[in-house]
Amino acid sequence: MKKFLLAVGLLSIAGTALAAGKPCEELKSELAAKLDAKGVQHYSLDVVKKGASADGKVIGTCEGGTKEIVYKRG
């Protein structure tokens, strides 16, 4: 029974952490590192409110889904 309660407690903590989402600057840095590793040049990553009109492609969401990271090439 103790193991079951421990498992439920750990899963609830993990679920809360996933629902909170990553901070935008942390995710933006991770995405930039991946793009740089692939040799992508001349791009920008912008953080905008979710649903805001933006020129570019949404490549990630952050801060609990309230903001999006938009990729622009050029």
PDB file of N, CA and C in Angstrom:
ATOM      1  N   MET A   1       0.818  -1.189   0.000  1.00  0.00           N
ATOM      2  CA  MET A   1       0.000   0.000   0.000  1.00  0.00           C
ATOM      3  C   MET A   1       0.866   1.257   0.000  1.00  0.00           C
ATOM      4  N   LYS A   2       1.966   1.196   0.732  1.00  0.00           N
ATOM      5  CA  LYS A   2       2.858   2.358   0.784  1.00  0.00           C
ATOM      6  C   LYS A   2       3.464   2.640  -0.585  1.00  0.00           C
ATOM      7  N   LYS A   3       3.816   1.575  -1.299  1.00  0.00           N
ATOM      8  CA  LYS A   3       4.391   1.747  -2.629  1.00  0.00           C
ATOM      9  C   LYS A   3       3.370   2.370  -3.576  1.00  0.00           C
ATOM     10  N   PHE A   4       2.119   1.961  -3.445  1.00  0.00           N
ATOM     11  CA  PHE A   4       1.066   2.518  -4.287  1.00  0.00           C
ATOM     12  C   PHE A   4       0.902   4.012  -4.020  1.00  0.00           C
ATOM     13  N   LEU A   5       0.866   4.402  -2.760  1.00  0.00           N
ATOM     14  CA  LEU A   5       0.726   5.819  -2.414  1.00  0.00           C
ATOM     15  C   LEU A   5       1.934   6.626  -2.877  1.00  0.00           C
ATOM     16  N   LEU A   6       3.097   6.044  -2.759  1.00  0.00           N
ATOM     17  CA  LEU A   6       4.306   6.714  -3.240  1.00  0.00           C
ATOM     18  C   LEU A   6       4.248   6.911  -4.753  1.00  0.00           C
ATOM     19  N   ALA A   7       3.821   5.880  -5.480  1.00  0.00           N
ATOM     20  CA  ALA A   7       3.711   5.977  -6.943  1.00  0.00           C
ATOM     21  C   ALA A   7       2.699   7.043  -7.343  1.00  0.00           C
ATOM     22  N   VAL A   8       1.552   7.077  -6.677  1.00  0.00           N
ATOM     23  CA  VAL A   8       0.527   8.084  -6.982  1.00  0.00           C
ATOM     24  C   VAL A   8       1.067   9.484  -6.696  1.00  0.00           C
ATOM     25  N   GLY A   9       1.775   9.641  -5.600  1.00  0.00           N
ATOM     26  CA  GLY A   9       2.357  10.939  -5.258  1.00  0.00           C
ATOM     27  C   GLY A   9       3.375  11.401  -6.289  1.00  0.00           C
ATOM     28  N   LEU A  10       4.242  10.510  -6.714  1.00  0.00           N
ATOM     29  CA  LEU A  10       5.254  10.857  -7.708  1.00  0.00           C
ATOM     30  C   LEU A  10       4.628  11.199  -9.053  1.00  0.00           C
ATOM     31  N   LEU A  11       3.615  10.445  -9.451  1.00  0.00           N
ATOM     32  CA  LEU A  11       2.940  10.728 -10.720  1.00  0.00           C
ATOM     33  C   LEU A  11       2.220  12.067 -10.690  1.00  0.00           C
ATOM     34  N   SER A  12       1.651  12.424  -9.557  1.00  0.00           N
ATOM     35  CA  SER A  12       0.963  13.714  -9.482  1.00  0.00           C
ATOM     36  C   SER A  12       1.958  14.860  -9.544  1.00  0.00           C
ATOM     37  N   ILE A  13       3.123  14.697  -8.946  1.00  0.00           N
ATOM     38  CA  ILE A  13       4.166  15.730  -9.029  1.00  0.00           C
ATOM     39  C   ILE A  13       4.658  15.857 -10.457  1.00  0.00           C
ATOM     40  N   ALA A  14       4.875  14.740 -11.135  1.00  0.00           N
ATOM     41  CA  ALA A  14       5.343  14.765 -12.526  1.00  0.00           C
ATOM     42  C   ALA A  14       4.297  15.402 -13.430  1.00  0.00           C
ATOM     43  N   GLY A  15       3.047  15.102 -13.215  1.00  0.00           N
ATOM     44  CA  GLY A  15       1.979  15.692 -14.019  1.00  0.00           C
ATOM     45  C   GLY A  15       1.911  17.191 -13.849  1.00  0.00           C
ATOM     46  N   THR A  16       2.091  17.670 -12.634  1.00  0.00           N
ATOM     47  CA  THR A  16       2.085  19.108 -12.368  1.00  0.00           C
ATOM     48  C   THR A  16       3.253  19.781 -13.064  1.00  0.00           C
ATOM     49  N   ALA A  17       4.405  19.155 -13.035  1.00  0.00           N
ATOM     50  CA  ALA A  17       5.585  19.735 -13.688  1.00  0.00           C
ATOM     51  C   ALA A  17       5.388  19.823 -15.197  1.00  0.00           C
ATOM     52  N   LEU A  18       4.793  18.809 -15.798  1.00  0.00           N
ATOM     53  CA  LEU A  18       4.564  18.824 -17.242  1.00  0.00           C
ATOM     54  C   LEU A  18       3.511  19.850 -17.623  1.00  0.00           C
ATOM     55  N   ALA A  19       2.494  20.012 -16.802  1.00  0.00           N
ATOM     56  CA  ALA A  19       1.437  20.964 -17.105  1.00  0.00           C
ATOM     57  C   ALA A  19       1.939  22.401 -17.004  1.00  0.00           C
ATOM     58  N   ALA A  20       2.919  22.641 -16.149  1.00  0.00           N
ATOM     59  CA  ALA A  20       3.445  23.995 -15.975  1.00  0.00           C
ATOM     60  C   ALA A  20       4.182  24.454 -17.231  1.00  0.00           C
ATOM     61  N   GLY A  21       4.789  23.542 -17.944  1.00  0.00           N
ATOM     62  CA  GLY A  21       5.519  23.903 -19.157  1.00  0.00           C
ATOM     63  C   GLY A  21       6.864  24.525 -18.841  1.00  0.00           C
ATOM     64  N   LYS A  22       7.665  24.637 -19.869  1.00  0.00           N
ATOM     65  CA  LYS A  22       8.993  25.220 -19.710  1.00  0.00           C
ATOM     66  C   LYS A  22       8.923  26.731 -19.791  1.00  0.00           C
ATOM     67  N   PRO A  23       9.863  27.394 -19.140  1.00  0.00           N
ATOM     68  CA  PRO A  23       9.987  28.839 -19.351  1.00  0.00           C
ATOM     69  C   PRO A  23      10.382  29.099 -20.806  1.00  0.00           C
ATOM     70  N   CYS A  24       9.885  30.171 -21.367  1.00  0.00           N
ATOM     71  CA  CYS A  24      10.103  30.448 -22.790  1.00  0.00           C
ATOM     72  C   CYS A  24      11.578  30.608 -23.142  1.00  0.00           C
ATOM     73  N   GLU A  25      12.325  31.298 -22.335  1.00  0.00           N
ATOM     74  CA  GLU A  25      13.737  31.519 -22.664  1.00  0.00           C
ATOM     75  C   GLU A  25      14.522  30.211 -22.669  1.00  0.00           C
ATOM     76  N   GLU A  26      14.173  29.300 -21.771  1.00  0.00           N
ATOM     77  CA  GLU A  26      14.852  27.995 -21.732  1.00  0.00           C
ATOM     78  C   GLU A  26      14.548  27.201 -22.999  1.00  0.00           C
ATOM     79  N   LEU A  27      13.280  27.150 -23.389  1.00  0.00           N
ATOM     80  CA  LEU A  27      12.904  26.420 -24.593  1.00  0.00           C
ATOM     81  C   LEU A  27      13.491  27.074 -25.844  1.00  0.00           C
ATOM     82  N   LYS A  28      13.483  28.388 -25.871  1.00  0.00           N
ATOM     83  CA  LYS A  28      14.044  29.126 -27.008  1.00  0.00           C
ATOM     84  C   LYS A  28      15.529  28.803 -27.171  1.00  0.00           C
ATOM     85  N   SER A  29      16.250  28.734 -26.068  1.00  0.00           N
ATOM     86  CA  SER A  29      17.681  28.384 -26.114  1.00  0.00           C
ATOM     87  C   SER A  29      17.894  26.965 -26.625  1.00  0.00           C
ATOM     88  N   GLU A  30      17.050  26.028 -26.180  1.00  0.00           N
ATOM     89  CA  GLU A  30      17.170  24.645 -26.633  1.00  0.00           C
ATOM     90  C   GLU A  30      16.897  24.533 -28.136  1.00  0.00           C
ATOM     91  N   LEU A  31      15.865  25.222 -28.604  1.00  0.00           N
ATOM     92  CA  LEU A  31      15.543  25.185 -30.027  1.00  0.00           C
ATOM     93  C   LEU A  31      16.647  25.828 -30.863  1.00  0.00           C
ATOM     94  N   ALA A  32      17.199  26.933 -30.385  1.00  0.00           N
ATOM     95  CA  ALA A  32      18.291  27.593 -31.102  1.00  0.00           C
ATOM     96  C   ALA A  32      19.504  26.673 -31.189  1.00  0.00           C
ATOM     97  N   ALA A  33      19.800  25.957 -30.113  1.00  0.00           N
ATOM     98  CA  ALA A  33      20.933  25.030 -30.116  1.00  0.00           C
ATOM     99  C   ALA A  33      20.724  23.914 -31.148  1.00  0.00           C
ATOM    100  N   LYS A  34      19.487  23.406 -31.245  1.00  0.00           N
ATOM    101  CA  LYS A  34      19.198  22.355 -32.231  1.00  0.00           C
ATOM    102  C   LYS A  34      19.339  22.888 -33.655  1.00  0.00           C
ATOM    103  N   LEU A  35      18.840  24.102 -33.891  1.00  0.00           N
ATOM    104  CA  LEU A  35      18.950  24.687 -35.231  1.00  0.00           C
ATOM    105  C   LEU A  35      20.410  24.945 -35.598  1.00  0.00           C
ATOM    106  N   ASP A  36      21.180  25.458 -34.638  1.00  0.00           N
ATOM    107  CA  ASP A  36      22.602  25.715 -34.884  1.00  0.00           C
ATOM    108  C   ASP A  36      23.353  24.419 -35.171  1.00  0.00           C
ATOM    109  N   ALA A  37      23.005  23.347 -34.445  1.00  0.00           N
ATOM    110  CA  ALA A  37      23.664  22.054 -34.642  1.00  0.00           C
ATOM    111  C   ALA A  37      23.382  21.495 -36.041  1.00  0.00           C
ATOM    112  N   LYS A  38      22.232  21.844 -36.604  1.00  0.00           N
ATOM    113  CA  LYS A  38      21.894  21.385 -37.955  1.00  0.00           C
ATOM    114  C   LYS A  38      22.453  22.309 -39.024  1.00  0.00           C
ATOM    115  N   GLY A  39      23.130  23.369 -38.611  1.00  0.00           N
ATOM    116  CA  GLY A  39      23.753  24.273 -39.570  1.00  0.00           C
ATOM    117  C   GLY A  39      22.824  25.351 -40.120  1.00  0.00           C
ATOM    118  N   VAL A  40      21.687  25.554 -39.498  1.00  0.00           N
ATOM    119  CA  VAL A  40      20.742  26.576 -39.961  1.00  0.00           C
ATOM    120  C   VAL A  40      21.313  27.958 -39.627  1.00  0.00           C
ATOM    121  N   GLN A  41      21.257  28.856 -40.608  1.00  0.00           N
ATOM    122  CA  GLN A  41      21.759  30.224 -40.411  1.00  0.00           C
ATOM    123  C   GLN A  41      20.681  31.223 -40.804  1.00  0.00           C
ATOM    124  N   HIS A  42      20.846  32.436 -40.356  1.00  0.00           N
ATOM    125  CA  HIS A  42      19.963  33.546 -40.706  1.00  0.00           C
ATOM    126  C   HIS A  42      18.504  33.257 -40.343  1.00  0.00           C
ATOM    127  N   TYR A  43      18.266  33.032 -39.078  1.00  0.00           N
ATOM    128  CA  TYR A  43      16.911  32.784 -38.600  1.00  0.00           C
ATOM    129  C   TYR A  43      16.678  33.606 -37.337  1.00  0.00           C
ATOM    130  N   SER A  44      15.413  33.705 -36.953  1.00  0.00           N
ATOM    131  CA  SER A  44      15.095  34.338 -35.670  1.00  0.00           C
ATOM    132  C   SER A  44      14.019  33.520 -34.978  1.00  0.00           C
ATOM    133  N   LEU A  45      14.053  33.536 -33.670  1.00  0.00           N
ATOM    134  CA  LEU A  45      13.045  32.892 -32.846  1.00  0.00           C
ATOM    135  C   LEU A  45      12.414  33.981 -31.983  1.00  0.00           C
ATOM    136  N   ASP A  46      11.093  34.114 -32.059  1.00  0.00           N
ATOM    137  CA  ASP A  46      10.391  35.135 -31.303  1.00  0.00           C
ATOM    138  C   ASP A  46       9.345  34.484 -30.409  1.00  0.00           C
ATOM    139  N   VAL A  47       9.199  35.020 -29.197  1.00  0.00           N
ATOM    140  CA  VAL A  47       8.181  34.560 -28.272  1.00  0.00           C
ATOM    141  C   VAL A  47       6.980  35.493 -28.399  1.00  0.00           C
ATOM    142  N   VAL A  48       5.811  34.918 -28.667  1.00  0.00           N
ATOM    143  CA  VAL A  48       4.581  35.704 -28.816  1.00  0.00           C
ATOM    144  C   VAL A  48       3.465  35.051 -28.004  1.00  0.00           C
ATOM    145  N   LYS A  49       2.426  35.820 -27.717  1.00  0.00           N
ATOM    146  CA  LYS A  49       1.261  35.256 -27.037  1.00  0.00           C
ATOM    147  C   LYS A  49       0.591  34.247 -27.950  1.00  0.00           C
ATOM    148  N   LYS A  50       0.041  33.210 -27.355  1.00  0.00           N
ATOM    149  CA  LYS A  50      -0.622  32.170 -28.144  1.00  0.00           C
ATOM    150  C   LYS A  50      -1.784  32.778 -28.923  1.00  0.00           C
ATOM    151  N   GLY A  51      -1.833  32.473 -30.192  1.00  0.00           N
ATOM    152  CA  GLY A  51      -2.908  32.960 -31.041  1.00  0.00           C
ATOM    153  C   GLY A  51      -2.634  34.308 -31.674  1.00  0.00           C
ATOM    154  N   ALA A  52      -1.558  34.977 -31.278  1.00  0.00           N
ATOM    155  CA  ALA A  52      -1.221  36.266 -31.878  1.00  0.00           C
ATOM    156  C   ALA A  52      -0.739  36.033 -33.307  1.00  0.00           C
ATOM    157  N   SER A  53      -1.076  36.954 -34.183  1.00  0.00           N
ATOM    158  CA  SER A  53      -0.626  36.786 -35.564  1.00  0.00           C
ATOM    159  C   SER A  53       0.881  37.003 -35.621  1.00  0.00           C
ATOM    160  N   ALA A  54       1.558  36.092 -36.271  1.00  0.00           N
ATOM    161  CA  ALA A  54       3.009  36.174 -36.364  1.00  0.00           C
ATOM    162  C   ALA A  54       3.452  35.690 -37.734  1.00  0.00           C
ATOM    163  N   ASP A  55       4.460  36.358 -38.267  1.00  0.00           N
ATOM    164  CA  ASP A  55       5.048  35.913 -39.530  1.00  0.00           C
ATOM    165  C   ASP A  55       6.011  34.784 -39.206  1.00  0.00           C
ATOM    166  N   GLY A  56       5.708  33.618 -39.654  1.00  0.00           N
ATOM    167  CA  GLY A  56       6.599  32.503 -39.423  1.00  0.00           C
ATOM    168  C   GLY A  56       5.842  31.273 -38.987  1.00  0.00           C
ATOM    169  N   LYS A  57       6.612  30.267 -38.599  1.00  0.00           N
ATOM    170  CA  LYS A  57       6.064  28.970 -38.233  1.00  0.00           C
ATOM    171  C   LYS A  57       6.202  28.769 -36.724  1.00  0.00           C
ATOM    172  N   VAL A  58       5.124  28.364 -36.073  1.00  0.00           N
ATOM    173  CA  VAL A  58       5.166  28.063 -34.644  1.00  0.00           C
ATOM    174  C   VAL A  58       5.885  26.726 -34.470  1.00  0.00           C
ATOM    175  N   ILE A  59       6.973  26.748 -33.687  1.00  0.00           N
ATOM    176  CA  ILE A  59       7.746  25.512 -33.495  1.00  0.00           C
ATOM    177  C   ILE A  59       7.759  25.046 -32.051  1.00  0.00           C
ATOM    178  N   GLY A  60       7.061  25.773 -31.172  1.00  0.00           N
ATOM    179  CA  GLY A  60       7.001  25.341 -29.789  1.00  0.00           C
ATOM    180  C   GLY A  60       6.070  26.206 -28.968  1.00  0.00           C
ATOM    181  N   THR A  61       5.613  25.634 -27.848  1.00  0.00           N
ATOM    182  CA  THR A  61       4.808  26.393 -26.902  1.00  0.00           C
ATOM    183  C   THR A  61       5.496  26.349 -25.551  1.00  0.00           C
ATOM    184  N   CYS A  62       5.243  27.364 -24.742  1.00  0.00           N
ATOM    185  CA  CYS A  62       5.902  27.443 -23.447  1.00  0.00           C
ATOM    186  C   CYS A  62       4.992  28.121 -22.435  1.00  0.00           C
ATOM    187  N   GLU A  63       5.460  28.125 -21.201  1.00  0.00           N
ATOM    188  CA  GLU A  63       4.746  28.733 -20.078  1.00  0.00           C
ATOM    189  C   GLU A  63       3.302  28.260 -20.006  1.00  0.00           C
ATOM    190  N   GLY A  64       3.163  26.930 -19.974  1.00  0.00           N
ATOM    191  CA  GLY A  64       1.855  26.329 -19.826  1.00  0.00           C
ATOM    192  C   GLY A  64       0.953  26.497 -21.028  1.00  0.00           C
ATOM    193  N   GLY A  65       1.527  26.704 -22.200  1.00  0.00           N
ATOM    194  CA  GLY A  65       0.740  26.842 -23.418  1.00  0.00           C
ATOM    195  C   GLY A  65       0.197  28.236 -23.654  1.00  0.00           C
ATOM    196  N   THR A  66       0.645  29.213 -22.867  1.00  0.00           N
ATOM    197  CA  THR A  66       0.148  30.582 -23.037  1.00  0.00           C
ATOM    198  C   THR A  66       0.934  31.367 -24.066  1.00  0.00           C
ATOM    199  N   LYS A  67       2.131  30.891 -24.405  1.00  0.00           N
ATOM    200  CA  LYS A  67       2.976  31.582 -25.377  1.00  0.00           C
ATOM    201  C   LYS A  67       3.504  30.589 -26.398  1.00  0.00           C
ATOM    202  N   GLU A  68       3.899  31.106 -27.559  1.00  0.00           N
ATOM    203  CA  GLU A  68       4.433  30.279 -28.631  1.00  0.00           C
ATOM    204  C   GLU A  68       5.777  30.830 -29.087  1.00  0.00           C
ATOM    205  N   ILE A  69       6.610  29.939 -29.619  1.00  0.00           N
ATOM    206  CA  ILE A  69       7.885  30.342 -30.188  1.00  0.00           C
ATOM    207  C   ILE A  69       7.757  30.222 -31.696  1.00  0.00           C
ATOM    208  N   VAL A  70       8.022  31.352 -32.373  1.00  0.00           N
ATOM    209  CA  VAL A  70       7.836  31.444 -33.818  1.00  0.00           C
ATOM    210  C   VAL A  70       9.200  31.512 -34.494  1.00  0.00           C
ATOM    211  N   TYR A  71       9.377  30.654 -35.497  1.00  0.00           N
ATOM    212  CA  TYR A  71      10.614  30.568 -36.287  1.00  0.00           C
ATOM    213  C   TYR A  71      10.431  31.356 -37.583  1.00  0.00           C
ATOM    214  N   LYS A  72      11.399  32.237 -37.854  1.00  0.00           N
ATOM    215  CA  LYS A  72      11.414  32.977 -39.114  1.00  0.00           C
ATOM    216  C   LYS A  72      12.770  32.793 -39.763  1.00  0.00           C
ATOM    217  N   ARG A  73      12.758  32.535 -41.022  1.00  0.00           N
ATOM    218  CA  ARG A  73      14.001  32.347 -41.773  1.00  0.00           C
ATOM    219  C   ARG A  73      14.263  33.584 -42.617  1.00  0.00           C
ATOM    220  N   GLY A  74      15.508  33.990 -42.683  1.00  0.00           N
ATOM    221  CA  GLY A  74      15.815  35.094 -43.579  1.00  0.00           C
ATOM    222  C   GLY A  74      16.622  36.140 -43.041  1.00  0.00           C
TER     223      GLY A  74
END
